[in-house]
Amino acid sequence: MTQRETVVFPGDRAKLTGTLFLPADTPGTGPSRLPAVVVAGTWTSVKEQMADRYAERLARLGYAALSFDFTGFGESGGEPRDYESPAQKTDDLRHAVTFLAGHPRVDVGRIGALGICAGAMYVSANAVDDPRVRSLALVAPWLHDARVCRDAYGGEAEVARRVAAGRAARAAYEATGEVEYVPMVSARDPRAALPYEIDFYLSPERGGIPAWPNRFAVMSWAEWLTFDALALAPRLDRPTLLVHSPDAAIPDGARRFHESLAGPARIHWTTGTQFDFYDREPQVSIAVEEAGRHFRDTL
């Protein structure tokens, strides 16, 4: 059993809304200071799709765990909406750590972060400059650089086209306040950020929930495709766990990131597709158990 509480805390540009999960107190014992973990989901996601699941499971293992909506997503404030900005998300994570560090149930010296898919890039980027984050767990991590983006998005010319479209959409937004959107996931619309039939995002029983609008701000491409997560690894000296599968997204990026990390690192290879790690068993349990063990040893 766990306790859960809706929380609101300030970001630089907006109030951020999250869910704080706490272990249920053992009868006859008073509240104690807990190790804590902030959880970040994949790109364009809202907390209910995957971050809540991981945070609640970590609370069962004895951690104070915070999931939250980034600026412009879900229940959090901020404009433009559904704009994937690595810089903004990294900054939001700094504020989430500040919230945890100030919570009366949290041991400020034992704060970690868990990132799922693209959330792995963002928690890594924050940890590089935030010494309060003592340990990282990266689940099915999407970790890209220019090489990975060329391979994933159809070559250098296609990447350049999307970056140019993103910059044009950003200029239009700054001039008019209008945001150009395309579907995030659609097998029928070639403009979609993910032009595929992906059950996790399209099924209401999985991630296709009302809180997630299935849209992608085109101006996101300029920041997303020029963000270099692999360059973070040589600057990251905190203990880091990666949980991944050869059949999930860009395992080569995970291998290269792991090999370049400056601090203690371990990679746990298992089975499953990328989307299995969001909500399927046994992948979620494997990832949570490995993360719990890692945080127990490093926080």
Protein backbone atom coordinates (compact mmCIF):
# COMPACT_ATOMS: atom_id res chain seq x y z
CA MET A 1 0.00 0.00 0.00
CA THR A 2 1.07 3.56 -0.66
CA GLN A 3 -0.13 7.05 0.06
CA ARG A 4 -0.57 9.51 -2.79
CA GLU A 5 -0.99 13.25 -2.78
CA THR A 6 -1.49 15.80 -5.55
CA VAL A 7 1.18 18.47 -5.24
CA VAL A 8 1.85 21.79 -6.94
CA PHE A 9 5.25 23.45 -7.01
CA PRO A 10 6.74 26.37 -8.92
CA GLY A 11 8.75 26.16 -12.12
CA ASP A 12 10.47 29.04 -13.84
CA ARG A 13 7.55 29.69 -16.18
CA ALA A 14 4.54 27.99 -14.64
CA LYS A 15 3.17 26.04 -11.72
CA LEU A 16 3.86 22.33 -12.07
CA THR A 17 1.42 19.66 -10.93
CA GLY A 18 2.52 16.24 -9.79
CA THR A 19 1.69 13.23 -7.67
CA LEU A 20 3.80 12.39 -4.64
CA PHE A 21 3.73 8.72 -3.67
CA LEU A 22 4.82 7.75 -0.16
CA PRO A 23 5.16 4.34 1.48
CA ALA A 24 2.36 3.51 3.86
CA ASP A 25 3.61 4.02 7.42
CA THR A 26 4.16 0.83 9.36
CA PRO A 27 1.68 0.64 12.28
CA GLY A 28 3.29 1.70 15.53
CA THR A 29 6.09 3.67 13.91
CA GLY A 30 6.34 7.38 13.30
CA PRO A 31 7.17 9.00 9.97
CA SER A 32 10.85 8.95 9.04
CA ARG A 33 12.99 10.64 6.45
CA LEU A 34 12.90 8.71 3.20
CA PRO A 35 15.13 8.35 0.16
CA ALA A 36 13.37 10.00 -2.77
CA VAL A 37 13.18 9.60 -6.55
CA VAL A 38 11.81 11.96 -9.18
CA VAL A 39 10.37 10.09 -12.19
CA ALA A 40 10.28 11.44 -15.74
CA GLY A 41 8.30 9.83 -18.56
CA THR A 42 8.96 9.79 -22.28
CA TRP A 43 8.59 12.66 -24.75
CA THR A 44 5.16 14.35 -24.95
CA SER A 45 3.82 12.10 -22.19
CA VAL A 46 1.67 13.02 -19.22
CA LYS A 47 2.31 11.56 -15.79
CA GLU A 48 -0.62 9.13 -15.91
CA GLN A 49 0.81 7.23 -18.88
CA MET A 50 3.94 5.77 -17.27
CA ALA A 51 5.59 8.01 -14.65
CA ASP A 52 2.80 7.44 -12.10
CA ARG A 53 3.17 3.69 -12.52
CA TYR A 54 6.89 3.72 -11.79
CA ALA A 55 6.57 6.22 -8.95
CA GLU A 56 3.86 4.18 -7.22
CA ARG A 57 5.93 1.00 -7.54
CA LEU A 58 9.00 2.74 -6.10
CA ALA A 59 6.91 3.94 -3.15
CA ARG A 60 6.03 0.31 -2.43
CA LEU A 61 9.77 -0.29 -2.09
CA GLY A 62 10.14 2.48 0.49
CA TYR A 63 10.89 5.58 -1.57
CA ALA A 64 9.17 8.94 -1.70
CA ALA A 65 8.53 9.15 -5.45
CA LEU A 66 7.38 12.15 -7.45
CA SER A 67 5.84 12.06 -10.91
CA PHE A 68 4.75 15.33 -12.52
CA ASP A 69 3.63 17.01 -15.72
CA PHE A 70 6.25 19.15 -17.40
CA THR A 71 5.63 22.77 -18.37
CA GLY A 72 2.96 22.89 -21.07
CA PHE A 73 1.80 19.31 -20.54
CA GLY A 74 -1.10 17.69 -18.71
CA GLU A 75 -2.20 19.47 -15.54
CA SER A 76 0.79 21.80 -15.38
CA GLY A 77 0.64 25.38 -16.56
CA GLY A 78 2.66 27.02 -19.27
CA GLU A 79 2.49 27.91 -22.95
CA PRO A 80 2.92 26.75 -25.64
CA ARG A 81 1.22 23.45 -24.95
CA ASP A 82 2.70 20.10 -25.92
CA TYR A 83 6.03 21.62 -26.93
CA GLU A 84 8.91 19.19 -26.47
CA SER A 85 11.79 21.31 -25.20
CA PRO A 86 14.73 19.39 -23.69
CA ALA A 87 16.01 22.59 -22.07
CA GLN A 88 12.65 23.34 -20.44
CA LYS A 89 12.16 19.78 -19.24
CA THR A 90 15.65 19.72 -17.75
CA ASP A 91 14.87 22.95 -15.91
CA ASP A 92 11.55 21.54 -14.67
CA LEU A 93 13.40 18.57 -13.20
CA ARG A 94 15.61 20.93 -11.22
CA HIS A 95 12.46 22.42 -9.68
CA ALA A 96 11.07 18.94 -8.97
CA VAL A 97 14.26 18.08 -7.09
CA THR A 98 13.92 21.33 -5.15
CA PHE A 99 10.38 20.34 -4.17
CA LEU A 100 11.57 16.93 -2.96
CA ALA A 101 14.54 18.42 -1.11
CA GLY A 102 12.18 20.68 0.84
CA HIS A 103 9.64 18.01 1.74
CA PRO A 104 9.56 17.05 5.44
CA ARG A 105 9.49 13.32 4.67
CA VAL A 106 12.52 13.40 2.35
CA ASP A 107 16.18 12.90 3.26
CA VAL A 108 17.82 15.65 1.22
CA GLY A 109 21.04 13.65 1.01
CA ARG A 110 19.32 10.69 -0.69
CA ILE A 111 17.59 11.93 -3.84
CA GLY A 112 17.73 10.04 -7.14
CA ALA A 113 16.04 10.24 -10.53
CA LEU A 114 14.50 7.70 -12.88
CA GLY A 115 13.90 8.46 -16.55
CA ILE A 116 11.89 6.35 -18.97
CA CYS A 117 12.71 6.55 -22.69
CA ALA A 118 13.40 10.24 -23.48
CA GLY A 119 13.07 11.00 -19.78
CA ALA A 120 16.48 9.36 -19.50
CA MET A 121 18.01 12.23 -21.47
CA TYR A 122 16.37 14.84 -19.30
CA VAL A 123 17.23 13.35 -15.90
CA SER A 124 20.81 12.92 -17.12
CA ALA A 125 21.00 16.53 -18.31
CA ASN A 126 19.72 17.77 -14.96
CA ALA A 127 22.04 15.54 -12.92
CA VAL A 128 25.12 16.84 -14.72
CA ASP A 129 24.58 20.25 -13.13
CA ASP A 130 22.57 19.29 -10.03
CA PRO A 131 24.69 17.64 -7.30
CA ARG A 132 21.57 17.02 -5.21
CA VAL A 133 20.78 14.10 -7.56
CA ARG A 134 22.94 11.29 -6.16
CA SER A 135 21.94 8.38 -8.42
CA LEU A 136 20.20 7.66 -11.75
CA ALA A 137 18.17 4.81 -13.22
CA LEU A 138 17.44 4.94 -16.96
CA VAL A 139 14.68 2.62 -18.22
CA ALA A 140 14.47 1.74 -21.92
CA PRO A 141 16.54 4.90 -22.42
CA TRP A 142 16.27 6.89 -25.63
CA LEU A 143 19.70 8.54 -25.74
CA HIS A 144 20.46 10.25 -29.03
CA ASP A 145 23.07 12.36 -30.77
CA ALA A 146 23.33 13.49 -34.39
CA ARG A 147 24.33 10.00 -35.55
CA VAL A 148 21.41 8.31 -33.81
CA CYS A 149 18.99 10.92 -35.17
CA ARG A 150 20.22 10.37 -38.72
CA ASP A 151 19.63 6.63 -38.34
CA ALA A 152 16.25 7.00 -36.63
CA TYR A 153 14.76 9.72 -38.82
CA GLY A 154 15.69 8.73 -42.34
CA GLY A 155 19.07 10.31 -42.92
CA GLU A 156 20.77 13.67 -42.78
CA ALA A 157 18.50 15.37 -45.33
CA GLU A 158 15.34 14.35 -43.50
CA VAL A 159 16.73 15.51 -40.17
CA ALA A 160 17.65 18.86 -41.74
CA ARG A 161 14.14 19.16 -43.20
CA ARG A 162 12.53 18.60 -39.81
CA VAL A 163 14.88 21.01 -38.06
CA ALA A 164 14.08 23.66 -40.66
CA ALA A 165 10.34 23.01 -40.25
CA GLY A 166 10.75 23.36 -36.50
CA ARG A 167 12.56 26.66 -36.79
CA ALA A 168 9.93 28.00 -39.21
CA ALA A 169 7.15 26.94 -36.85
CA ARG A 170 8.94 28.62 -33.94
CA ALA A 171 9.28 31.85 -35.90
CA ALA A 172 5.59 31.73 -36.78
CA TYR A 173 4.66 31.18 -33.14
CA GLU A 174 6.77 34.13 -32.00
CA ALA A 175 5.18 36.33 -34.67
CA THR A 176 1.55 35.25 -34.31
CA GLY A 177 1.17 33.21 -31.12
CA GLU A 178 -0.19 30.32 -33.20
CA VAL A 179 1.25 26.85 -32.64
CA GLU A 180 1.46 24.42 -35.56
CA TYR A 181 0.57 20.90 -34.43
CA VAL A 182 0.69 17.48 -36.04
CA PRO A 183 -0.36 14.17 -34.49
CA MET A 184 2.18 12.64 -32.17
CA VAL A 185 1.22 9.12 -33.31
CA SER A 186 -0.75 8.19 -36.43
CA ALA A 187 -0.39 5.46 -39.01
CA ARG A 188 -2.58 7.47 -41.40
CA ASP A 189 -0.93 10.88 -41.25
CA PRO A 190 2.64 11.00 -42.64
CA ARG A 191 3.22 14.32 -40.83
CA ALA A 192 2.98 12.59 -37.43
CA ALA A 193 6.02 12.64 -35.19
CA LEU A 194 5.65 8.85 -35.00
CA PRO A 195 3.89 7.82 -38.24
CA TYR A 196 3.20 4.28 -37.11
CA GLU A 197 0.46 2.14 -35.58
CA ILE A 198 1.61 2.05 -31.96
CA ASP A 199 -0.84 0.30 -29.67
CA PHE A 200 0.44 1.89 -26.47
CA TYR A 201 -0.42 5.40 -27.67
CA LEU A 202 -3.59 4.56 -29.58
CA SER A 203 -5.29 2.15 -27.17
CA PRO A 204 -7.46 3.78 -24.45
CA GLU A 205 -6.64 0.80 -22.22
CA ARG A 206 -2.95 1.72 -22.36
CA GLY A 207 -1.56 5.18 -23.10
CA GLY A 208 -4.29 6.63 -25.32
CA ILE A 209 -5.95 8.36 -22.38
CA PRO A 210 -8.02 11.58 -22.38
CA ALA A 211 -5.29 13.49 -20.51
CA TRP A 212 -2.92 12.99 -23.47
CA PRO A 213 -4.00 14.97 -26.57
CA ASN A 214 -1.86 13.07 -29.10
CA ARG A 215 -0.35 16.17 -30.65
CA PHE A 216 3.15 17.41 -31.30
CA ALA A 217 4.21 21.03 -31.70
CA VAL A 218 6.19 21.13 -34.96
CA MET A 219 8.61 23.67 -33.50
CA SER A 220 9.78 20.90 -31.14
CA TRP A 221 11.84 19.35 -33.93
CA ALA A 222 14.50 22.07 -33.81
CA GLU A 223 15.34 21.43 -30.16
CA TRP A 224 14.69 17.71 -30.10
CA LEU A 225 16.88 16.78 -33.06
CA THR A 226 19.80 18.99 -32.06
CA PHE A 227 19.95 17.81 -28.44
CA ASP A 228 23.07 15.69 -27.81
CA ALA A 229 22.49 13.29 -24.92
CA LEU A 230 25.59 11.21 -25.64
CA ALA A 231 27.75 14.26 -24.86
CA LEU A 232 26.39 14.23 -21.30
CA ALA A 233 27.87 10.86 -20.36
CA PRO A 234 31.52 11.92 -19.85
CA ARG A 235 30.27 14.65 -17.49
CA LEU A 236 28.02 12.33 -15.45
CA ASP A 237 29.82 10.94 -12.42
CA ARG A 238 26.83 9.73 -10.39
CA PRO A 239 26.09 5.97 -10.12
CA THR A 240 23.94 5.12 -13.12
CA LEU A 241 21.86 2.06 -14.00
CA LEU A 242 20.50 1.40 -17.47
CA VAL A 243 17.76 -1.19 -18.04
CA HIS A 244 17.23 -1.94 -21.71
CA SER A 245 16.49 -4.58 -24.34
CA PRO A 246 18.16 -5.25 -27.68
CA ASP A 247 14.65 -5.19 -29.16
CA ALA A 248 13.78 -1.77 -27.71
CA ALA A 249 14.66 1.65 -29.15
CA ILE A 250 18.25 2.49 -30.16
CA PRO A 251 20.18 0.03 -27.98
CA ASP A 252 23.36 1.36 -29.62
CA GLY A 253 22.74 4.74 -27.99
CA ALA A 254 22.44 3.06 -24.59
CA ARG A 255 25.65 1.08 -25.13
CA ARG A 256 27.62 4.15 -26.18
CA PHE A 257 26.23 6.21 -23.30
CA HIS A 258 27.08 3.47 -20.80
CA GLU A 259 30.63 3.15 -22.13
CA SER A 260 31.23 6.90 -21.82
CA LEU A 261 29.88 7.45 -18.30
CA ALA A 262 32.34 9.05 -15.90
CA GLY A 263 30.98 7.37 -12.78
CA PRO A 264 30.01 3.87 -11.66
CA ALA A 265 27.68 2.33 -14.21
CA ARG A 266 25.80 -0.88 -14.90
CA ILE A 267 23.59 -1.92 -17.79
CA HIS A 268 20.99 -4.65 -17.33
CA TRP A 269 19.88 -6.27 -20.58
CA THR A 270 16.51 -7.98 -20.66
CA THR A 271 13.81 -8.67 -23.25
CA GLY A 272 10.87 -6.69 -24.61
CA THR A 273 9.96 -3.91 -27.00
CA GLN A 274 10.25 -0.22 -26.15
CA PHE A 275 6.59 0.14 -25.31
CA ASP A 276 6.56 -2.95 -23.08
CA PHE A 277 8.64 -0.97 -20.56
CA TYR A 278 5.88 1.63 -20.29
CA ASP A 279 3.13 -0.61 -18.92
CA ARG A 280 3.65 -4.33 -19.59
CA GLU A 281 4.81 -7.22 -17.46
CA PRO A 282 7.36 -8.54 -16.82
CA GLN A 283 9.27 -5.52 -18.17
CA VAL A 284 7.93 -2.98 -15.65
CA SER A 285 8.62 -5.29 -12.70
CA ILE A 286 12.11 -6.08 -13.95
CA ALA A 287 12.89 -2.38 -14.36
CA VAL A 288 11.44 -1.42 -10.96
CA GLU A 289 13.25 -4.24 -9.16
CA GLU A 290 16.58 -3.34 -10.76
CA ALA A 291 16.04 0.37 -10.03
CA GLY A 292 15.03 -0.34 -6.45
CA ARG A 293 18.15 -2.42 -5.91
CA HIS A 294 20.31 0.26 -7.51
CA PHE A 295 18.86 3.08 -5.41
CA ARG A 296 19.12 0.97 -2.25
CA ASP A 297 22.85 0.57 -2.89
CA THR A 298 23.57 4.15 -3.99
CA LEU A 299 21.28 6.45 -2.00
